[in-house]
Amino acid sequence: MTENQIYNEKELLSRIVKGDESAYKMVFLQYWPRVYSTALIFTKVPALAEDAAQEVFAQLWIKRALLADVKEFRTYLFSMARNLIFNTLRTKIFTGNFDEYLQEYFADSFADPAALLEFKEAGQIIEKGIDQLTPQQQKVFRMSRFQGLSHAEIAKATGLSPRTVKNYMVAAIQSLRGHLDEQADSITIFLWVLLYL
């Protein structure tokens, strides 16, 4: 990216902060294909990918005041996209049995028996890490990541304070990261990023 392009992007962001719809449209046209493609890779469903990408750009406009403090827009945008895409996956896809979901989701990618075995082993590594958490950490983590519940919803369902729920989640994620650092291979890392971050 040239210095002129960086300046132009900063100028566009400044205009968006002020509510300039034409500047927003230019940024939308520039980044839509990549955001949509990223969403499609993870959701594998065009309609779901389009919904997720639209939500990214809707949030970009709604929270445009935050752009005033953004130094690296591309990083900011794709971080927002990743979080919204994963939240879409958690809330719209993560229902029922975890193992059955993963097998169905990746069925077309793992037609080869050796690849399917590697995939199952990766899932087992992640599940083993979850099983090593304390009972409360497991409960809170599963409610958050497998049921798509917010910290407030988990607090209400369990009788814990939102702060305690957050503390359990932080501890659970740190523990799981440590476990996966010892076991890491490419597919395990992929599943970890897809499902839990």
C-alpha atoms as a PDB file:
ATOM      1  CA  MET A   1       0.000   0.000   0.000  1.00  0.00           C
ATOM      2  CA  THR A   2       1.427   3.381  -0.950  1.00  0.00           C
ATOM      3  CA  GLU A   3       1.615   6.437   1.297  1.00  0.00           C
ATOM      4  CA  ASN A   4      -1.089   8.075  -0.832  1.00  0.00           C
ATOM      5  CA  GLN A   5      -3.404   5.079  -0.368  1.00  0.00           C
ATOM      6  CA  ILE A   6      -2.854   5.133   3.402  1.00  0.00           C
ATOM      7  CA  TYR A   7      -3.679   8.846   3.450  1.00  0.00           C
ATOM      8  CA  ASN A   8      -6.794   8.295   1.361  1.00  0.00           C
ATOM      9  CA  GLU A   9      -7.999   5.526   3.662  1.00  0.00           C
ATOM     10  CA  LYS A  10      -7.431   7.697   6.727  1.00  0.00           C
ATOM     11  CA  GLU A  11      -9.335  10.469   5.013  1.00  0.00           C
ATOM     12  CA  LEU A  12     -12.207   8.099   4.191  1.00  0.00           C
ATOM     13  CA  LEU A  13     -12.377   6.903   7.800  1.00  0.00           C
ATOM     14  CA  SER A  14     -12.425  10.483   9.023  1.00  0.00           C
ATOM     15  CA  ARG A  15     -15.330  11.204   6.673  1.00  0.00           C
ATOM     16  CA  ILE A  16     -17.183   8.075   7.830  1.00  0.00           C
ATOM     17  CA  VAL A  17     -16.833   9.180  11.462  1.00  0.00           C
ATOM     18  CA  LYS A  18     -18.632  12.383  10.425  1.00  0.00           C
ATOM     19  CA  GLY A  19     -21.441  10.372   8.798  1.00  0.00           C
ATOM     20  CA  ASP A  20     -20.344  10.608   5.154  1.00  0.00           C
ATOM     21  CA  GLU A  21     -22.252   7.816   3.402  1.00  0.00           C
ATOM     22  CA  SER A  22     -20.299   8.114   0.145  1.00  0.00           C
ATOM     23  CA  ALA A  23     -17.026   7.453   2.010  1.00  0.00           C
ATOM     24  CA  TYR A  24     -18.654   4.496   3.755  1.00  0.00           C
ATOM     25  CA  LYS A  25     -19.781   3.120   0.380  1.00  0.00           C
ATOM     26  CA  MET A  26     -16.217   3.332  -0.958  1.00  0.00           C
ATOM     27  CA  VAL A  27     -14.867   1.367   2.012  1.00  0.00           C
ATOM     28  CA  PHE A  28     -17.739  -1.111   1.663  1.00  0.00           C
ATOM     29  CA  LEU A  29     -16.972  -1.736  -2.021  1.00  0.00           C
ATOM     30  CA  GLN A  30     -13.258  -2.097  -1.285  1.00  0.00           C
ATOM     31  CA  TYR A  31     -13.597  -4.638   1.526  1.00  0.00           C
ATOM     32  CA  TRP A  32     -16.900  -6.447   0.930  1.00  0.00           C
ATOM     33  CA  PRO A  33     -15.469  -9.220  -1.316  1.00  0.00           C
ATOM     34  CA  ARG A  34     -12.790 -10.187   1.208  1.00  0.00           C
ATOM     35  CA  VAL A  35     -15.085 -10.039   4.231  1.00  0.00           C
ATOM     36  CA  TYR A  36     -17.719 -12.100   2.416  1.00  0.00           C
ATOM     37  CA  SER A  37     -15.113 -14.632   1.212  1.00  0.00           C
ATOM     38  CA  THR A  38     -13.784 -15.021   4.744  1.00  0.00           C
ATOM     39  CA  ALA A  39     -17.310 -15.571   6.055  1.00  0.00           C
ATOM     40  CA  LEU A  40     -18.015 -18.131   3.322  1.00  0.00           C
ATOM     41  CA  ILE A  41     -14.872 -20.121   4.147  1.00  0.00           C
ATOM     42  CA  PHE A  42     -16.057 -20.568   7.717  1.00  0.00           C
ATOM     43  CA  THR A  43     -19.827 -20.844   7.321  1.00  0.00           C
ATOM     44  CA  LYS A  44     -19.844 -22.781   4.009  1.00  0.00           C
ATOM     45  CA  VAL A  45     -23.358 -21.396   3.449  1.00  0.00           C
ATOM     46  CA  PRO A  46     -23.652 -18.416   1.064  1.00  0.00           C
ATOM     47  CA  ALA A  47     -26.754 -16.972   2.737  1.00  0.00           C
ATOM     48  CA  LEU A  48     -25.174 -17.252   6.186  1.00  0.00           C
ATOM     49  CA  ALA A  49     -21.917 -15.744   4.891  1.00  0.00           C
ATOM     50  CA  GLU A  50     -23.823 -12.832   3.373  1.00  0.00           C
ATOM     51  CA  ASP A  51     -25.701 -12.253   6.645  1.00  0.00           C
ATOM     52  CA  ALA A  52     -22.442 -12.259   8.594  1.00  0.00           C
ATOM     53  CA  ALA A  53     -20.704  -9.903   6.153  1.00  0.00           C
ATOM     54  CA  GLN A  54     -23.682  -7.527   6.168  1.00  0.00           C
ATOM     55  CA  GLU A  55     -23.581  -7.500   9.965  1.00  0.00           C
ATOM     56  CA  VAL A  56     -19.892  -6.569   9.879  1.00  0.00           C
ATOM     57  CA  PHE A  57     -20.571  -3.522   7.723  1.00  0.00           C
ATOM     58  CA  ALA A  58     -23.731  -2.608   9.636  1.00  0.00           C
ATOM     59  CA  GLN A  59     -21.711  -2.590  12.863  1.00  0.00           C
ATOM     60  CA  LEU A  60     -18.964  -0.604  11.164  1.00  0.00           C
ATOM     61  CA  TRP A  61     -21.504   2.138  10.396  1.00  0.00           C
ATOM     62  CA  ILE A  62     -23.301   1.959  13.744  1.00  0.00           C
ATOM     63  CA  LYS A  63     -20.012   2.198  15.648  1.00  0.00           C
ATOM     64  CA  ARG A  64     -18.328   4.573  13.217  1.00  0.00           C
ATOM     65  CA  ALA A  65     -17.338   6.979  16.009  1.00  0.00           C
ATOM     66  CA  LEU A  66     -14.798   4.354  17.128  1.00  0.00           C
ATOM     67  CA  LEU A  67     -12.970   4.696  13.805  1.00  0.00           C
ATOM     68  CA  ALA A  68     -11.465   7.976  14.993  1.00  0.00           C
ATOM     69  CA  ASP A  69      -9.048   5.997  17.193  1.00  0.00           C
ATOM     70  CA  VAL A  70      -8.254   3.212  14.702  1.00  0.00           C
ATOM     71  CA  LYS A  71      -4.621   3.110  13.545  1.00  0.00           C
ATOM     72  CA  GLU A  72      -4.714  -0.025  11.358  1.00  0.00           C
ATOM     73  CA  PHE A  73      -8.125  -0.194   9.696  1.00  0.00           C
ATOM     74  CA  ARG A  74      -7.604  -3.507   7.910  1.00  0.00           C
ATOM     75  CA  THR A  75      -6.647  -5.211  11.186  1.00  0.00           C
ATOM     76  CA  TYR A  76      -9.588  -3.572  12.947  1.00  0.00           C
ATOM     77  CA  LEU A  77     -12.069  -4.595  10.245  1.00  0.00           C
ATOM     78  CA  PHE A  78     -10.960  -8.213  10.017  1.00  0.00           C
ATOM     79  CA  SER A  79     -10.838  -8.564  13.795  1.00  0.00           C
ATOM     80  CA  MET A  80     -14.433  -7.320  13.889  1.00  0.00           C
ATOM     81  CA  ALA A  81     -15.334  -9.641  11.010  1.00  0.00           C
ATOM     82  CA  ARG A  82     -13.746 -12.660  12.690  1.00  0.00           C
ATOM     83  CA  ASN A  83     -15.622 -12.043  15.936  1.00  0.00           C
ATOM     84  CA  LEU A  84     -18.975 -11.493  14.228  1.00  0.00           C
ATOM     85  CA  ILE A  85     -18.532 -14.507  11.924  1.00  0.00           C
ATOM     86  CA  PHE A  86     -17.658 -16.775  14.848  1.00  0.00           C
ATOM     87  CA  ASN A  87     -20.588 -15.423  16.854  1.00  0.00           C
ATOM     88  CA  THR A  88     -22.823 -16.196  13.881  1.00  0.00           C
ATOM     89  CA  LEU A  89     -21.467 -19.745  13.822  1.00  0.00           C
ATOM     90  CA  ARG A  90     -21.961 -20.181  17.556  1.00  0.00           C
ATOM     91  CA  THR A  91     -25.504 -18.845  17.658  1.00  0.00           C
ATOM     92  CA  LYS A  92     -26.885 -20.163  14.353  1.00  0.00           C
ATOM     93  CA  ILE A  93     -25.012 -23.423  13.907  1.00  0.00           C
ATOM     94  CA  PHE A  94     -23.849 -24.723  17.287  1.00  0.00           C
ATOM     95  CA  THR A  95     -26.867 -26.731  18.341  1.00  0.00           C
ATOM     96  CA  GLY A  96     -27.153 -30.340  19.331  1.00  0.00           C
ATOM     97  CA  ASN A  97     -24.238 -32.718  19.631  1.00  0.00           C
ATOM     98  CA  PHE A  98     -20.807 -31.100  19.232  1.00  0.00           C
ATOM     99  CA  ASP A  99     -19.143 -34.108  17.583  1.00  0.00           C
ATOM    100  CA  GLU A 100     -22.023 -34.643  15.159  1.00  0.00           C
ATOM    101  CA  TYR A 101     -21.945 -30.977  14.206  1.00  0.00           C
ATOM    102  CA  LEU A 102     -18.216 -31.007  13.487  1.00  0.00           C
ATOM    103  CA  GLN A 103     -18.479 -34.158  11.383  1.00  0.00           C
ATOM    104  CA  GLU A 104     -21.321 -32.685   9.350  1.00  0.00           C
ATOM    105  CA  TYR A 105     -19.643 -29.293   8.999  1.00  0.00           C
ATOM    106  CA  PHE A 106     -16.396 -30.740   7.691  1.00  0.00           C
ATOM    107  CA  ALA A 107     -17.834 -33.775   5.871  1.00  0.00           C
ATOM    108  CA  ASP A 108     -16.907 -32.585   2.400  1.00  0.00           C
ATOM    109  CA  SER A 109     -13.391 -31.667   3.537  1.00  0.00           C
ATOM    110  CA  PHE A 110     -12.626 -35.020   5.112  1.00  0.00           C
ATOM    111  CA  ALA A 111     -13.730 -37.666   2.641  1.00  0.00           C
ATOM    112  CA  ASP A 112     -10.286 -39.273   2.984  1.00  0.00           C
ATOM    113  CA  PRO A 113     -10.237 -41.743   5.954  1.00  0.00           C
ATOM    114  CA  ALA A 114      -6.784 -40.576   7.099  1.00  0.00           C
ATOM    115  CA  ALA A 115      -7.909 -36.935   7.135  1.00  0.00           C
ATOM    116  CA  LEU A 116     -11.094 -37.859   8.986  1.00  0.00           C
ATOM    117  CA  LEU A 117      -9.038 -39.717  11.603  1.00  0.00           C
ATOM    118  CA  GLU A 118      -6.809 -36.654  12.049  1.00  0.00           C
ATOM    119  CA  PHE A 119      -9.905 -34.501  12.421  1.00  0.00           C
ATOM    120  CA  LYS A 120     -11.404 -36.800  15.067  1.00  0.00           C
ATOM    121  CA  GLU A 121      -8.122 -36.855  16.962  1.00  0.00           C
ATOM    122  CA  ALA A 122      -8.036 -33.048  16.945  1.00  0.00           C
ATOM    123  CA  GLY A 123     -11.572 -32.948  18.337  1.00  0.00           C
ATOM    124  CA  GLN A 124     -10.558 -35.409  21.053  1.00  0.00           C
ATOM    125  CA  ILE A 125      -7.559 -33.255  22.000  1.00  0.00           C
ATOM    126  CA  ILE A 126      -9.826 -30.237  22.406  1.00  0.00           C
ATOM    127  CA  GLU A 127     -12.412 -32.222  24.386  1.00  0.00           C
ATOM    128  CA  LYS A 128      -9.674 -33.628  26.638  1.00  0.00           C
ATOM    129  CA  GLY A 129      -8.529 -30.093  27.363  1.00  0.00           C
ATOM    130  CA  ILE A 130     -12.092 -29.077  28.253  1.00  0.00           C
ATOM    131  CA  ASP A 131     -12.432 -32.142  30.501  1.00  0.00           C
ATOM    132  CA  GLN A 132      -9.346 -31.011  32.451  1.00  0.00           C
ATOM    133  CA  LEU A 133     -11.026 -27.755  33.465  1.00  0.00           C
ATOM    134  CA  THR A 134     -12.671 -27.429  36.868  1.00  0.00           C
ATOM    135  CA  PRO A 135     -16.378 -28.386  36.871  1.00  0.00           C
ATOM    136  CA  GLN A 136     -17.463 -24.732  37.073  1.00  0.00           C
ATOM    137  CA  GLN A 137     -15.082 -23.691  34.297  1.00  0.00           C
ATOM    138  CA  GLN A 138     -16.359 -26.523  32.106  1.00  0.00           C
ATOM    139  CA  LYS A 139     -19.968 -25.571  32.726  1.00  0.00           C
ATOM    140  CA  VAL A 140     -19.437 -21.884  31.993  1.00  0.00           C
ATOM    141  CA  PHE A 141     -17.219 -22.587  28.969  1.00  0.00           C
ATOM    142  CA  ARG A 142     -19.679 -25.040  27.404  1.00  0.00           C
ATOM    143  CA  MET A 143     -22.619 -22.683  27.982  1.00  0.00           C
ATOM    144  CA  SER A 144     -20.689 -19.856  26.341  1.00  0.00           C
ATOM    145  CA  ARG A 145     -19.080 -21.664  23.432  1.00  0.00           C
ATOM    146  CA  PHE A 146     -21.504 -24.494  22.671  1.00  0.00           C
ATOM    147  CA  GLN A 147     -24.811 -22.836  23.561  1.00  0.00           C
ATOM    148  CA  GLY A 148     -23.864 -19.298  22.515  1.00  0.00           C
ATOM    149  CA  LEU A 149     -24.942 -17.722  25.813  1.00  0.00           C
ATOM    150  CA  SER A 150     -23.641 -14.341  26.937  1.00  0.00           C
ATOM    151  CA  HIS A 151     -21.926 -13.852  30.293  1.00  0.00           C
ATOM    152  CA  ALA A 152     -25.099 -12.213  31.619  1.00  0.00           C
ATOM    153  CA  GLU A 153     -27.257 -15.150  30.465  1.00  0.00           C
ATOM    154  CA  ILE A 154     -24.859 -17.654  32.030  1.00  0.00           C
ATOM    155  CA  ALA A 155     -24.854 -15.682  35.282  1.00  0.00           C
ATOM    156  CA  LYS A 156     -28.647 -15.724  35.371  1.00  0.00           C
ATOM    157  CA  ALA A 157     -28.844 -19.451  34.594  1.00  0.00           C
ATOM    158  CA  THR A 158     -26.186 -20.484  37.124  1.00  0.00           C
ATOM    159  CA  GLY A 159     -26.738 -17.966  39.904  1.00  0.00           C
ATOM    160  CA  LEU A 160     -23.144 -16.766  39.560  1.00  0.00           C
ATOM    161  CA  SER A 161     -22.210 -13.103  39.255  1.00  0.00           C
ATOM    162  CA  PRO A 162     -21.272 -11.851  35.756  1.00  0.00           C
ATOM    163  CA  ARG A 163     -17.780 -11.096  37.100  1.00  0.00           C
ATOM    164  CA  THR A 164     -17.383 -14.679  38.327  1.00  0.00           C
ATOM    165  CA  VAL A 165     -18.556 -15.999  34.947  1.00  0.00           C
ATOM    166  CA  LYS A 166     -15.980 -13.806  33.207  1.00  0.00           C
ATOM    167  CA  ASN A 167     -13.240 -15.003  35.568  1.00  0.00           C
ATOM    168  CA  TYR A 168     -14.136 -18.650  34.889  1.00  0.00           C
ATOM    169  CA  MET A 169     -14.037 -18.014  31.139  1.00  0.00           C
ATOM    170  CA  VAL A 170     -10.652 -16.285  31.277  1.00  0.00           C
ATOM    171  CA  ALA A 171      -9.210 -19.128  33.361  1.00  0.00           C
ATOM    172  CA  ALA A 172     -10.740 -21.768  31.063  1.00  0.00           C
ATOM    173  CA  ILE A 173      -9.342 -20.186  27.903  1.00  0.00           C
ATOM    174  CA  GLN A 174      -5.880 -19.798  29.442  1.00  0.00           C
ATOM    175  CA  SER A 175      -5.905 -23.431  30.535  1.00  0.00           C
ATOM    176  CA  LEU A 176      -7.062 -24.645  27.125  1.00  0.00           C
ATOM    177  CA  ARG A 177      -4.447 -22.572  25.323  1.00  0.00           C
ATOM    178  CA  GLY A 178      -1.771 -24.151  27.509  1.00  0.00           C
ATOM    179  CA  HIS A 179      -3.131 -27.623  26.778  1.00  0.00           C
ATOM    180  CA  LEU A 180      -3.207 -27.003  23.032  1.00  0.00           C
ATOM    181  CA  ASP A 181       0.281 -25.497  23.013  1.00  0.00           C
ATOM    182  CA  GLU A 182       1.500 -28.931  24.097  1.00  0.00           C
ATOM    183  CA  GLN A 183      -0.617 -30.801  21.534  1.00  0.00           C
ATOM    184  CA  ALA A 184      -0.757 -28.317  18.673  1.00  0.00           C
ATOM    185  CA  ASP A 185      -0.950 -29.341  15.053  1.00  0.00           C
ATOM    186  CA  SER A 186      -2.504 -27.426  12.171  1.00  0.00           C
ATOM    187  CA  ILE A 187      -5.995 -28.881  12.333  1.00  0.00           C
ATOM    188  CA  THR A 188      -6.242 -28.570  16.120  1.00  0.00           C
ATOM    189  CA  ILE A 189      -5.199 -24.934  15.893  1.00  0.00           C
ATOM    190  CA  PHE A 190      -7.770 -24.366  13.127  1.00  0.00           C
ATOM    191  CA  LEU A 191     -10.557 -25.880  15.209  1.00  0.00           C
ATOM    192  CA  TRP A 192      -9.478 -23.899  18.248  1.00  0.00           C
ATOM    193  CA  VAL A 193      -9.531 -20.601  16.364  1.00  0.00           C
ATOM    194  CA  LEU A 194     -12.823 -21.429  14.667  1.00  0.00           C
ATOM    195  CA  LEU A 195     -14.672 -22.522  17.767  1.00  0.00           C
ATOM    196  CA  TYR A 196     -13.278 -20.756  20.763  1.00  0.00           C
ATOM    197  CA  LEU A 197     -11.569 -17.432  20.059  1.00  0.00           C
END
